[in-house]
Amino acid sequence: IAIDISCHWIYLHSSLLQGKTSHKFIDLGENPIMSVYYTSRPVLFFMCFGNEAFFAALYAMHFAEGPIIAGMGLFRLICYLAAPVMAVKTAISLVHGYVACCNIATIDVKEREALKQK
């Protein structure tokens, strides 16, 4: 969860530095993963829902396994089914962080070059 929050925050910050009106506005020349993630509502919904389902089921499993389905507790089953989605969502968060850091570095270089020219 910390990866998701921190990488999303720095991505929002880099979007503001670039003067974008929304962090969800993606230039088609930018990272293709981010483009699909933000331009397809079904993909964004599926990824966010799967990620939240994983962590909610993990929390619920702390207290109980839930009703038994196919010989396994419901909460454990949800964890197993949602784990790949959570892993991909975490990878996307890391891409968020990487893209944001690259954007901020580019902005910093341009600002320093502008100061040198003065």
C-alpha atoms as a PDB file:
ATOM      1  CA  ILE A   1       0.000   0.000   0.000  1.00  0.00           C
ATOM      2  CA  ALA A   2       2.910   2.347   0.788  1.00  0.00           C
ATOM      3  CA  ILE A   3       4.306   1.807  -2.719  1.00  0.00           C
ATOM      4  CA  ASP A   4       0.926   2.643  -4.258  1.00  0.00           C
ATOM      5  CA  ILE A   5       0.441   5.811  -2.219  1.00  0.00           C
ATOM      6  CA  SER A   6       3.982   7.164  -2.526  1.00  0.00           C
ATOM      7  CA  CYS A   7       4.343   6.466  -6.251  1.00  0.00           C
ATOM      8  CA  HIS A   8       0.914   7.927  -6.973  1.00  0.00           C
ATOM      9  CA  TRP A   9       1.781  11.027  -4.946  1.00  0.00           C
ATOM     10  CA  ILE A  10       5.027  11.673  -6.818  1.00  0.00           C
ATOM     11  CA  TYR A  11       3.221  11.069 -10.119  1.00  0.00           C
ATOM     12  CA  LEU A  12       0.608  13.676  -9.132  1.00  0.00           C
ATOM     13  CA  HIS A  13       3.410  16.062  -8.175  1.00  0.00           C
ATOM     14  CA  SER A  14       5.180  15.607 -11.513  1.00  0.00           C
ATOM     15  CA  SER A  15       1.877  16.184 -13.331  1.00  0.00           C
ATOM     16  CA  LEU A  16       1.451  19.489 -11.500  1.00  0.00           C
ATOM     17  CA  LEU A  17       5.025  20.515 -12.347  1.00  0.00           C
ATOM     18  CA  GLN A  18       4.301  19.777 -16.008  1.00  0.00           C
ATOM     19  CA  GLY A  19       1.207  21.980 -15.878  1.00  0.00           C
ATOM     20  CA  LYS A  20      -1.233  19.161 -16.607  1.00  0.00           C
ATOM     21  CA  THR A  21      -4.827  19.700 -15.554  1.00  0.00           C
ATOM     22  CA  SER A  22      -5.142  16.052 -14.461  1.00  0.00           C
ATOM     23  CA  HIS A  23      -2.687  13.271 -13.709  1.00  0.00           C
ATOM     24  CA  LYS A  24      -4.952  11.019 -15.788  1.00  0.00           C
ATOM     25  CA  PHE A  25      -4.223  13.028 -18.956  1.00  0.00           C
ATOM     26  CA  ILE A  26      -1.695  10.882 -20.804  1.00  0.00           C
ATOM     27  CA  ASP A  27       0.297  12.010 -23.810  1.00  0.00           C
ATOM     28  CA  LEU A  28       0.252   9.136 -26.315  1.00  0.00           C
ATOM     29  CA  GLY A  29       4.044   9.447 -26.566  1.00  0.00           C
ATOM     30  CA  GLU A  30       4.401   8.616 -22.883  1.00  0.00           C
ATOM     31  CA  ASN A  31       4.691   5.154 -21.355  1.00  0.00           C
ATOM     32  CA  PRO A  32       2.309   2.682 -23.095  1.00  0.00           C
ATOM     33  CA  ILE A  33       1.441   0.925 -19.820  1.00  0.00           C
ATOM     34  CA  MET A  34       0.298   4.205 -18.290  1.00  0.00           C
ATOM     35  CA  SER A  35      -1.624   5.019 -21.460  1.00  0.00           C
ATOM     36  CA  VAL A  36      -3.685   1.801 -21.311  1.00  0.00           C
ATOM     37  CA  TYR A  37      -4.098   2.100 -17.545  1.00  0.00           C
ATOM     38  CA  TYR A  38      -5.620   5.573 -17.706  1.00  0.00           C
ATOM     39  CA  THR A  39      -7.447   5.515 -21.057  1.00  0.00           C
ATOM     40  CA  SER A  40      -9.377   2.272 -20.487  1.00  0.00           C
ATOM     41  CA  ARG A  41     -11.970   2.579 -17.729  1.00  0.00           C
ATOM     42  CA  PRO A  42     -12.547  -1.206 -17.562  1.00  0.00           C
ATOM     43  CA  VAL A  43      -8.809  -1.823 -17.088  1.00  0.00           C
ATOM     44  CA  LEU A  44      -8.551   0.861 -14.399  1.00  0.00           C
ATOM     45  CA  PHE A  45     -11.644  -0.472 -12.596  1.00  0.00           C
ATOM     46  CA  PHE A  46     -10.461  -4.099 -12.764  1.00  0.00           C
ATOM     47  CA  MET A  47      -7.004  -3.234 -11.460  1.00  0.00           C
ATOM     48  CA  CYS A  48      -8.266  -1.055  -8.611  1.00  0.00           C
ATOM     49  CA  PHE A  49     -11.032  -3.502  -7.645  1.00  0.00           C
ATOM     50  CA  GLY A  50      -8.678  -6.500  -7.692  1.00  0.00           C
ATOM     51  CA  ASN A  51      -6.082  -4.660  -5.637  1.00  0.00           C
ATOM     52  CA  GLU A  52      -8.623  -3.572  -3.021  1.00  0.00           C
ATOM     53  CA  ALA A  53     -10.217  -7.048  -2.943  1.00  0.00           C
ATOM     54  CA  PHE A  54      -6.814  -8.584  -2.193  1.00  0.00           C
ATOM     55  CA  PHE A  55      -6.091  -6.304   0.753  1.00  0.00           C
ATOM     56  CA  ALA A  56      -9.660  -6.473   2.106  1.00  0.00           C
ATOM     57  CA  ALA A  57      -9.601 -10.281   1.989  1.00  0.00           C
ATOM     58  CA  LEU A  58      -6.140 -10.347   3.575  1.00  0.00           C
ATOM     59  CA  TYR A  59      -7.440  -8.179   6.417  1.00  0.00           C
ATOM     60  CA  ALA A  60     -10.573 -10.331   6.821  1.00  0.00           C
ATOM     61  CA  MET A  61      -8.420 -13.486   6.905  1.00  0.00           C
ATOM     62  CA  HIS A  62      -6.755 -12.147  10.039  1.00  0.00           C
ATOM     63  CA  PHE A  63     -10.054 -12.709  11.836  1.00  0.00           C
ATOM     64  CA  ALA A  64     -11.592 -15.683   9.987  1.00  0.00           C
ATOM     65  CA  GLU A  65     -11.302 -17.797   6.858  1.00  0.00           C
ATOM     66  CA  GLY A  66     -14.861 -17.059   5.817  1.00  0.00           C
ATOM     67  CA  PRO A  67     -17.329 -19.634   4.499  1.00  0.00           C
ATOM     68  CA  ILE A  68     -15.784 -22.741   2.959  1.00  0.00           C
ATOM     69  CA  ILE A  69     -16.010 -22.839  -0.836  1.00  0.00           C
ATOM     70  CA  ALA A  70     -14.393 -25.687  -2.792  1.00  0.00           C
ATOM     71  CA  GLY A  71     -12.584 -26.795   0.366  1.00  0.00           C
ATOM     72  CA  MET A  72     -11.068 -23.376   0.991  1.00  0.00           C
ATOM     73  CA  GLY A  73     -12.108 -20.331   2.987  1.00  0.00           C
ATOM     74  CA  LEU A  74     -13.715 -17.587   0.889  1.00  0.00           C
ATOM     75  CA  PHE A  75     -11.280 -14.894   2.048  1.00  0.00           C
ATOM     76  CA  ARG A  76      -8.272 -17.087   1.232  1.00  0.00           C
ATOM     77  CA  LEU A  77      -9.769 -17.878  -2.185  1.00  0.00           C
ATOM     78  CA  ILE A  78     -10.232 -14.165  -2.890  1.00  0.00           C
ATOM     79  CA  CYS A  79      -6.613 -13.549  -1.866  1.00  0.00           C
ATOM     80  CA  TYR A  80      -5.372 -16.236  -4.263  1.00  0.00           C
ATOM     81  CA  LEU A  81      -7.522 -14.943  -7.126  1.00  0.00           C
ATOM     82  CA  ALA A  82      -6.689 -11.273  -6.554  1.00  0.00           C
ATOM     83  CA  ALA A  83      -2.957 -11.707  -5.825  1.00  0.00           C
ATOM     84  CA  PRO A  84      -1.890 -11.530  -9.498  1.00  0.00           C
ATOM     85  CA  VAL A  85      -3.946  -8.347  -9.952  1.00  0.00           C
ATOM     86  CA  MET A  86      -2.339  -6.852  -6.835  1.00  0.00           C
ATOM     87  CA  ALA A  87       1.126  -7.764  -8.165  1.00  0.00           C
ATOM     88  CA  VAL A  88       0.434  -6.122 -11.538  1.00  0.00           C
ATOM     89  CA  LYS A  89      -1.075  -3.057  -9.815  1.00  0.00           C
ATOM     90  CA  THR A  90       2.050  -2.785  -7.660  1.00  0.00           C
ATOM     91  CA  ALA A  91       4.198  -3.014 -10.795  1.00  0.00           C
ATOM     92  CA  ILE A  92       2.103  -0.248 -12.373  1.00  0.00           C
ATOM     93  CA  SER A  93       2.646   1.837  -9.240  1.00  0.00           C
ATOM     94  CA  LEU A  94       6.388   1.357  -9.639  1.00  0.00           C
ATOM     95  CA  VAL A  95       6.054   2.482 -13.274  1.00  0.00           C
ATOM     96  CA  HIS A  96       4.163   5.533 -11.932  1.00  0.00           C
ATOM     97  CA  GLY A  97       7.117   6.297  -9.694  1.00  0.00           C
ATOM     98  CA  TYR A  98       9.692   5.737 -12.431  1.00  0.00           C
ATOM     99  CA  VAL A  99       7.844   7.899 -14.978  1.00  0.00           C
ATOM    100  CA  ALA A 100       7.356  10.632 -12.377  1.00  0.00           C
ATOM    101  CA  CYS A 101      11.031  10.644 -11.400  1.00  0.00           C
ATOM    102  CA  CYS A 102      12.073  10.834 -15.066  1.00  0.00           C
ATOM    103  CA  ASN A 103       9.633  13.710 -15.641  1.00  0.00           C
ATOM    104  CA  ILE A 104      10.855  15.612 -12.581  1.00  0.00           C
ATOM    105  CA  ALA A 105      14.492  15.079 -13.616  1.00  0.00           C
ATOM    106  CA  THR A 106      13.731  16.410 -17.108  1.00  0.00           C
ATOM    107  CA  ILE A 107      12.012  19.471 -15.635  1.00  0.00           C
ATOM    108  CA  ASP A 108      14.970  20.044 -13.306  1.00  0.00           C
ATOM    109  CA  VAL A 109      17.489  19.835 -16.165  1.00  0.00           C
ATOM    110  CA  LYS A 110      15.466  22.292 -18.261  1.00  0.00           C
ATOM    111  CA  GLU A 111      15.194  24.742 -15.350  1.00  0.00           C
ATOM    112  CA  ARG A 112      18.948  24.557 -14.695  1.00  0.00           C
ATOM    113  CA  GLU A 113      19.727  25.120 -18.374  1.00  0.00           C
ATOM    114  CA  ALA A 114      17.425  28.144 -18.398  1.00  0.00           C
ATOM    115  CA  LEU A 115      19.228  29.588 -15.366  1.00  0.00           C
ATOM    116  CA  LYS A 116      22.638  29.096 -17.024  1.00  0.00           C
ATOM    117  CA  GLN A 117      21.500  31.006 -20.109  1.00  0.00           C
ATOM    118  CA  LYS A 118      20.547  34.081 -18.043  1.00  0.00           C
END
